[in-house]
């Protein structure tokens, strides 16, 4: 059995992780850390897991005295980088769901998060945790930076086109609509019901949102060239899930059938990417799953191509992908606990 610890267990991503790992046949949850709810049972915070989540929440100090194989960090950025070195030195595998180990360099982290990285030496060993791109590296990793929810949908939408060099790397627009759980559980004005209901709100548009740097970093590697992206995230009045539409300009004269064939070939062996030949992705079809649904089409009369993805932001965009990464790191079947 893989002994598991979850730090930040009462956030939305932490709860989603617990729900997956509680029924994972190869895992044993040793500790659940909560900074604000230590001493309570998880089921006292979330009554719907009563009978399953009656484990007591502990402090970080208590957790550090316990023996585990894998730690999942579901804390805000900057908090993870302070914790990872200690676990790493103890030989514990770490999957970080914050942004602290997604960027390749401390300079890039400072550029997008406007903060100094306090564990820059570990950035060199961290692997970006998108299995569809880095499966073999994840298998050998001890530290994985779990991708952000917006980048997961955007990168999977555009990766086949950039790998094939079929689109211009300097002319891409990503429009993504997210449910409010992406804003986290801490109280803030924007996710409140009165602010969100009956409303669609773009925010941090252009090249401002922090996830833009992560998207550009990975797309640039695929293209072998710099890929500036115009990114428009939007908050919509649903609890979770993300619909992403990516717009690009074709370099090659290809039609929709060729585009679909490209995507089918690229993702044929990927257990959690479903290429749609008829119809388009919809958010309700991926809810509570680790799937990414993707469709691609040529816009007639133009040089434009559209690539559309749908994911559950708390599963493939967070906890599900984290479990997928853990499975790979621990050498067990990648899909374990995720069907």
Protein backbone atom coordinates (compact mmCIF):
# COMPACT_ATOMS: atom_id res chain seq x y z
CA UNK A 1 0.00 0.00 0.00
CA UNK A 2 1.10 3.57 -0.72
CA UNK A 3 1.00 5.64 2.46
CA UNK A 4 -0.50 9.06 1.72
CA UNK A 5 -0.56 12.45 3.37
CA UNK A 6 -2.69 15.38 2.22
CA UNK A 7 -1.74 18.86 3.38
CA UNK A 8 -4.61 21.29 2.85
CA UNK A 9 -7.29 18.61 3.05
CA UNK A 10 -10.24 20.93 3.64
CA UNK A 11 -9.85 23.01 0.48
CA UNK A 12 -11.78 22.03 -2.63
CA UNK A 13 -8.80 20.30 -4.26
CA UNK A 14 -7.89 18.58 -0.98
CA UNK A 15 -11.41 17.25 -0.58
CA UNK A 16 -11.45 16.03 -4.18
CA UNK A 17 -8.15 14.24 -3.52
CA UNK A 18 -9.55 12.60 -0.41
CA UNK A 19 -12.60 11.36 -2.29
CA UNK A 20 -10.40 9.76 -4.96
CA UNK A 21 -7.81 8.30 -2.61
CA UNK A 22 -10.37 6.95 -0.13
CA UNK A 23 -11.45 4.45 -2.81
CA UNK A 24 -8.02 4.00 -4.41
CA UNK A 25 -7.16 0.29 -4.01
CA UNK A 26 -3.42 0.91 -3.55
CA UNK A 27 -3.49 3.82 -1.09
CA UNK A 28 -3.74 4.30 2.65
CA UNK A 29 -4.44 7.82 3.90
CA UNK A 30 -2.17 8.33 6.90
CA UNK A 31 -2.86 11.99 7.63
CA UNK A 32 -5.08 14.87 6.60
CA UNK A 33 -3.69 18.30 7.51
CA UNK A 34 -5.82 21.38 8.00
CA UNK A 35 -4.42 24.64 9.27
CA UNK A 36 -7.78 25.93 10.48
CA UNK A 37 -9.74 22.78 11.33
CA UNK A 38 -7.18 20.60 13.14
CA UNK A 39 -8.82 18.47 15.83
CA UNK A 40 -12.08 18.09 13.93
CA UNK A 41 -13.01 15.17 11.73
CA UNK A 42 -13.16 15.79 7.99
CA UNK A 43 -16.83 14.77 8.10
CA UNK A 44 -17.53 17.61 10.53
CA UNK A 45 -16.33 20.08 7.89
CA UNK A 46 -17.95 18.20 4.97
CA UNK A 47 -20.92 16.18 6.28
CA UNK A 48 -21.41 14.40 2.95
CA UNK A 49 -18.30 12.26 3.64
CA UNK A 50 -19.68 11.02 6.97
CA UNK A 51 -18.85 7.35 7.36
CA UNK A 52 -15.97 7.65 4.91
CA UNK A 53 -14.17 10.80 6.04
CA UNK A 54 -14.32 10.42 9.80
CA UNK A 55 -10.54 10.64 10.06
CA UNK A 56 -9.30 13.40 12.37
CA UNK A 57 -7.65 16.42 10.83
CA UNK A 58 -4.19 17.06 12.25
CA UNK A 59 -1.75 19.94 12.42
CA UNK A 60 1.25 20.17 10.13
CA UNK A 61 3.57 19.63 13.09
CA UNK A 62 1.83 16.37 13.97
CA UNK A 63 1.87 15.23 10.35
CA UNK A 64 5.63 15.69 10.06
CA UNK A 65 6.10 13.01 12.71
CA UNK A 66 4.16 10.45 10.66
CA UNK A 67 5.61 8.13 8.03
CA UNK A 68 4.29 8.38 4.48
CA UNK A 69 5.44 7.57 0.95
CA UNK A 70 3.69 10.42 -0.89
CA UNK A 71 2.62 13.89 0.20
CA UNK A 72 0.10 15.97 -1.73
CA UNK A 73 0.36 19.72 -1.11
CA UNK A 74 -2.90 21.62 -1.60
CA UNK A 75 -1.77 24.93 -0.18
CA UNK A 76 -1.56 28.40 -1.69
CA UNK A 77 1.48 29.32 -3.74
CA UNK A 78 4.56 30.29 -1.67
CA UNK A 79 3.43 27.93 1.13
CA UNK A 80 4.45 24.79 -0.75
CA UNK A 81 8.00 25.90 -1.51
CA UNK A 82 8.61 26.28 2.22
CA UNK A 83 7.48 22.68 2.88
CA UNK A 84 8.78 20.73 -0.09
CA UNK A 85 12.52 20.74 0.77
CA UNK A 86 11.97 18.94 4.08
CA UNK A 87 9.80 16.20 2.56
CA UNK A 88 12.13 15.90 -0.42
CA UNK A 89 15.17 15.43 1.80
CA UNK A 90 13.34 12.69 3.69
CA UNK A 91 12.88 10.76 0.46
CA UNK A 92 9.12 11.35 0.31
CA UNK A 93 7.57 11.77 -3.13
CA UNK A 94 5.79 15.11 -3.46
CA UNK A 95 2.95 16.16 -5.74
CA UNK A 96 2.45 19.91 -5.38
CA UNK A 97 -0.95 21.21 -6.49
CA UNK A 98 0.10 24.83 -6.00
CA UNK A 99 1.98 26.86 -8.61
CA UNK A 100 5.32 26.74 -6.80
CA UNK A 101 6.99 24.04 -8.92
CA UNK A 102 5.34 24.51 -12.30
CA UNK A 103 7.67 27.13 -13.71
CA UNK A 104 11.08 26.10 -15.01
CA UNK A 105 13.10 28.86 -13.35
CA UNK A 106 13.01 31.18 -10.36
CA UNK A 107 13.13 34.09 -12.81
CA UNK A 108 9.96 32.91 -14.54
CA UNK A 109 8.27 32.39 -11.19
CA UNK A 110 9.12 35.93 -10.13
CA UNK A 111 7.88 37.31 -13.46
CA UNK A 112 4.43 35.76 -13.12
CA UNK A 113 3.96 35.61 -9.34
CA UNK A 114 5.98 38.70 -8.40
CA UNK A 115 7.67 36.82 -5.57
CA UNK A 116 11.06 35.28 -4.94
CA UNK A 117 11.27 31.49 -5.08
CA UNK A 118 12.85 30.15 -1.88
CA UNK A 119 13.73 26.67 -3.22
CA UNK A 120 15.14 27.39 -6.68
CA UNK A 121 17.46 24.38 -6.59
CA UNK A 122 14.43 22.07 -6.57
CA UNK A 123 12.95 23.67 -9.69
CA UNK A 124 15.64 21.83 -11.65
CA UNK A 125 14.45 18.46 -10.38
CA UNK A 126 10.69 19.11 -10.52
CA UNK A 127 8.73 17.63 -13.43
CA UNK A 128 5.71 19.35 -14.92
CA UNK A 129 2.90 16.92 -14.19
CA UNK A 130 1.01 16.68 -17.47
CA UNK A 131 1.21 12.95 -18.27
CA UNK A 132 0.23 13.43 -21.90
CA UNK A 133 3.52 15.32 -22.38
CA UNK A 134 5.87 14.07 -19.68
CA UNK A 135 4.83 10.54 -18.77
CA UNK A 136 8.32 9.02 -18.77
CA UNK A 137 9.83 11.89 -16.77
CA UNK A 138 7.01 11.65 -14.20
CA UNK A 139 7.75 7.96 -13.73
CA UNK A 140 11.26 8.88 -12.57
CA UNK A 141 10.32 11.99 -10.60
CA UNK A 142 10.35 12.57 -6.86
CA UNK A 143 8.77 16.03 -7.16
CA UNK A 144 5.93 16.86 -9.53
CA UNK A 145 4.41 20.28 -10.09
CA UNK A 146 0.77 19.48 -10.83
CA UNK A 147 -0.48 21.69 -13.70
CA UNK A 148 -3.02 24.44 -13.23
CA UNK A 149 -6.59 23.86 -14.36
CA UNK A 150 -6.60 26.49 -17.12
CA UNK A 151 -3.22 25.35 -18.53
CA UNK A 152 -4.35 21.71 -18.62
CA UNK A 153 -7.26 22.52 -20.92
CA UNK A 154 -5.28 24.97 -23.05
CA UNK A 155 -2.18 22.82 -23.53
CA UNK A 156 -4.12 19.68 -24.42
CA UNK A 157 -6.14 21.73 -26.91
CA UNK A 158 -3.11 23.05 -28.79
CA UNK A 159 -0.36 20.46 -28.30
CA UNK A 160 -0.94 18.34 -31.45
CA UNK A 161 -1.02 21.41 -33.70
CA UNK A 162 2.20 22.85 -32.30
CA UNK A 163 4.02 19.52 -32.31
CA UNK A 164 3.15 19.13 -36.01
CA UNK A 165 4.04 22.80 -36.73
CA UNK A 166 0.65 23.29 -38.37
CA UNK A 167 -0.11 26.63 -36.68
CA UNK A 168 1.66 29.92 -36.17
CA UNK A 169 3.27 30.00 -32.72
CA UNK A 170 2.83 33.77 -32.41
CA UNK A 171 -0.92 33.96 -33.10
CA UNK A 172 -2.95 32.07 -30.51
CA UNK A 173 -5.92 33.11 -28.39
CA UNK A 174 -7.22 31.06 -25.47
CA UNK A 175 -10.68 31.76 -24.07
CA UNK A 176 -11.59 29.73 -20.97
CA UNK A 177 -14.75 29.71 -18.88
CA UNK A 178 -14.44 28.31 -15.36
CA UNK A 179 -16.74 27.44 -12.50
CA UNK A 180 -16.31 29.33 -9.25
CA UNK A 181 -14.56 26.53 -7.33
CA UNK A 182 -11.42 27.52 -9.24
CA UNK A 183 -11.22 30.57 -6.99
CA UNK A 184 -10.73 28.36 -3.93
CA UNK A 185 -12.62 28.06 -0.65
CA UNK A 186 -11.26 31.11 1.16
CA UNK A 187 -13.88 33.88 1.30
CA UNK A 188 -13.52 36.64 -1.28
CA UNK A 189 -16.06 38.92 -3.02
CA UNK A 190 -15.87 37.52 -6.56
CA UNK A 191 -17.08 33.93 -5.95
CA UNK A 192 -20.00 34.98 -3.74
CA UNK A 193 -23.41 33.91 -5.01
CA UNK A 194 -24.74 37.45 -5.47
CA UNK A 195 -21.69 38.42 -7.51
CA UNK A 196 -21.56 35.27 -9.65
CA UNK A 197 -25.17 34.25 -10.23
CA UNK A 198 -26.69 35.46 -13.53
CA UNK A 199 -23.30 36.78 -14.57
CA UNK A 200 -20.26 36.02 -16.73
CA UNK A 201 -17.17 37.94 -15.68
CA UNK A 202 -13.87 38.11 -17.59
CA UNK A 203 -10.86 38.89 -15.41
CA UNK A 204 -7.08 39.29 -15.74
CA UNK A 205 -7.37 39.31 -19.51
CA UNK A 206 -4.63 39.58 -22.12
CA UNK A 207 -1.33 38.39 -20.65
CA UNK A 208 -2.04 39.15 -17.00
CA UNK A 209 -3.41 35.96 -15.45
CA UNK A 210 -0.70 33.95 -13.69
CA UNK A 211 -1.53 30.81 -15.64
CA UNK A 212 -0.53 32.57 -18.87
CA UNK A 213 3.15 32.05 -18.08
CA UNK A 214 2.60 28.35 -17.49
CA UNK A 215 0.66 27.99 -20.76
CA UNK A 216 3.31 29.89 -22.74
CA UNK A 217 6.16 27.93 -21.16
CA UNK A 218 4.78 24.56 -22.21
CA UNK A 219 3.47 25.61 -25.62
CA UNK A 220 6.84 27.18 -26.45
CA UNK A 221 8.58 23.88 -25.73
CA UNK A 222 6.19 22.07 -28.07
CA UNK A 223 6.64 24.62 -30.84
CA UNK A 224 10.37 25.09 -30.46
CA UNK A 225 9.67 28.82 -30.57
CA UNK A 226 8.30 31.54 -28.31
CA UNK A 227 4.51 31.31 -28.01
CA UNK A 228 2.91 34.47 -26.63
CA UNK A 229 -0.74 33.76 -25.84
CA UNK A 230 -3.69 36.12 -25.49
CA UNK A 231 -5.60 34.59 -22.59
CA UNK A 232 -9.14 35.47 -21.51
CA UNK A 233 -10.29 33.62 -18.37
CA UNK A 234 -13.94 34.05 -17.47
CA UNK A 235 -15.91 33.15 -14.37
CA UNK A 236 -19.31 31.56 -15.06
CA UNK A 237 -22.09 30.65 -12.58
CA UNK A 238 -21.42 26.92 -12.23
CA UNK A 239 -19.68 25.17 -9.35
CA UNK A 240 -16.86 23.63 -11.36
CA UNK A 241 -15.57 22.51 -14.79
CA UNK A 242 -13.82 24.49 -17.54
CA UNK A 243 -14.59 24.93 -21.21
CA UNK A 244 -11.60 26.18 -23.23
CA UNK A 245 -11.66 27.43 -26.80
CA UNK A 246 -8.28 27.99 -28.46
CA UNK A 247 -8.01 29.95 -31.71
CA UNK A 248 -4.98 29.62 -33.97
CA UNK A 249 -3.85 30.44 -37.52
CA UNK A 250 -2.92 27.57 -39.80
CA UNK A 251 0.48 27.44 -41.48
CA UNK A 252 -0.57 24.43 -43.56
CA UNK A 253 -3.55 23.93 -45.85
CA UNK A 254 -5.41 21.23 -43.96
CA UNK A 255 -9.10 20.49 -43.48
CA UNK A 256 -11.17 19.33 -40.53
CA UNK A 257 -10.80 15.65 -41.42
CA UNK A 258 -7.01 15.90 -41.38
CA UNK A 259 -7.13 17.82 -38.12
CA UNK A 260 -9.31 15.20 -36.46
CA UNK A 261 -7.02 12.44 -37.73
CA UNK A 262 -4.05 14.27 -36.20
CA UNK A 263 -5.73 14.51 -32.80
CA UNK A 264 -6.91 10.90 -32.88
CA UNK A 265 -3.40 9.69 -33.63
CA UNK A 266 -1.81 11.95 -30.99
CA UNK A 267 -4.19 10.97 -28.21
CA UNK A 268 -5.00 7.39 -29.20
CA UNK A 269 -2.95 5.92 -26.36
CA UNK A 270 -4.02 8.50 -23.76
CA UNK A 271 -6.51 6.95 -21.32
CA UNK A 272 -8.05 10.25 -20.25
CA UNK A 273 -8.24 12.23 -23.49
CA UNK A 274 -11.33 11.65 -25.63
CA UNK A 275 -11.25 13.07 -29.17
CA UNK A 276 -14.72 13.92 -30.43
CA UNK A 277 -15.43 13.35 -34.12
CA UNK A 278 -19.09 14.38 -33.91
CA UNK A 279 -20.29 17.22 -31.75
CA UNK A 280 -18.32 19.45 -29.42
CA UNK A 281 -17.15 19.13 -25.81
CA UNK A 282 -19.59 20.14 -23.09
CA UNK A 283 -18.79 20.61 -19.45
CA UNK A 284 -21.52 18.31 -18.11
CA UNK A 285 -19.96 15.32 -19.87
CA UNK A 286 -16.71 15.55 -17.88
CA UNK A 287 -18.08 16.40 -14.45
CA UNK A 288 -16.48 14.33 -11.68
CA UNK A 289 -14.22 12.54 -14.19
CA UNK A 290 -10.55 12.70 -15.07
CA UNK A 291 -11.35 13.00 -18.78
CA UNK A 292 -10.43 15.82 -21.13
CA UNK A 293 -12.81 15.94 -24.09
CA UNK A 294 -11.34 17.64 -27.15
CA UNK A 295 -12.59 18.63 -30.59
CA UNK A 296 -10.79 20.39 -33.44
CA UNK A 297 -12.13 21.98 -36.62
CA UNK A 298 -11.17 24.22 -39.51
CA UNK A 299 -13.21 27.41 -39.86
CA UNK A 300 -14.37 27.49 -43.51
CA UNK A 301 -13.30 30.51 -45.54
CA UNK A 302 -10.47 31.38 -43.15
CA UNK A 303 -7.03 30.20 -42.08
CA UNK A 304 -8.31 29.67 -38.55
CA UNK A 305 -8.54 26.47 -36.55
CA UNK A 306 -10.50 26.00 -33.33
CA UNK A 307 -9.53 23.50 -30.64
CA UNK A 308 -12.02 23.07 -27.80
CA UNK A 309 -11.58 21.16 -24.55
CA UNK A 310 -13.71 20.44 -21.50
CA UNK A 311 -12.36 19.25 -18.15
CA UNK A 312 -13.45 19.12 -14.53
CA UNK A 313 -11.21 21.71 -12.91
CA UNK A 314 -11.08 19.81 -9.60
CA UNK A 315 -10.34 16.42 -11.20
CA UNK A 316 -8.30 16.48 -14.43
CA UNK A 317 -7.49 20.09 -13.54
CA UNK A 318 -6.30 19.25 -10.02
CA UNK A 319 -6.89 16.15 -7.86
CA UNK A 320 -7.45 13.56 -10.59
CA UNK A 321 -4.32 14.58 -12.42
CA UNK A 322 -2.44 14.50 -9.11
CA UNK A 323 -3.53 10.90 -8.53
CA UNK A 324 -2.62 10.07 -12.13
CA UNK A 325 0.85 11.46 -11.42
CA UNK A 326 1.14 9.52 -8.17
CA UNK A 327 0.27 6.31 -9.97
CA UNK A 328 3.03 6.93 -12.50
CA UNK A 329 5.57 7.88 -9.83
CA UNK A 330 4.80 4.76 -7.80
CA UNK A 331 4.91 2.39 -10.75
CA UNK A 332 1.28 1.26 -10.72
CA UNK A 333 -1.33 1.33 -13.47
CA UNK A 334 -1.89 4.96 -14.44
CA UNK A 335 -5.68 4.74 -14.36
CA UNK A 336 -5.90 3.15 -10.90
CA UNK A 337 -8.58 4.79 -8.76
CA UNK A 338 -9.64 7.11 -11.58
CA UNK A 339 -12.25 5.14 -13.51
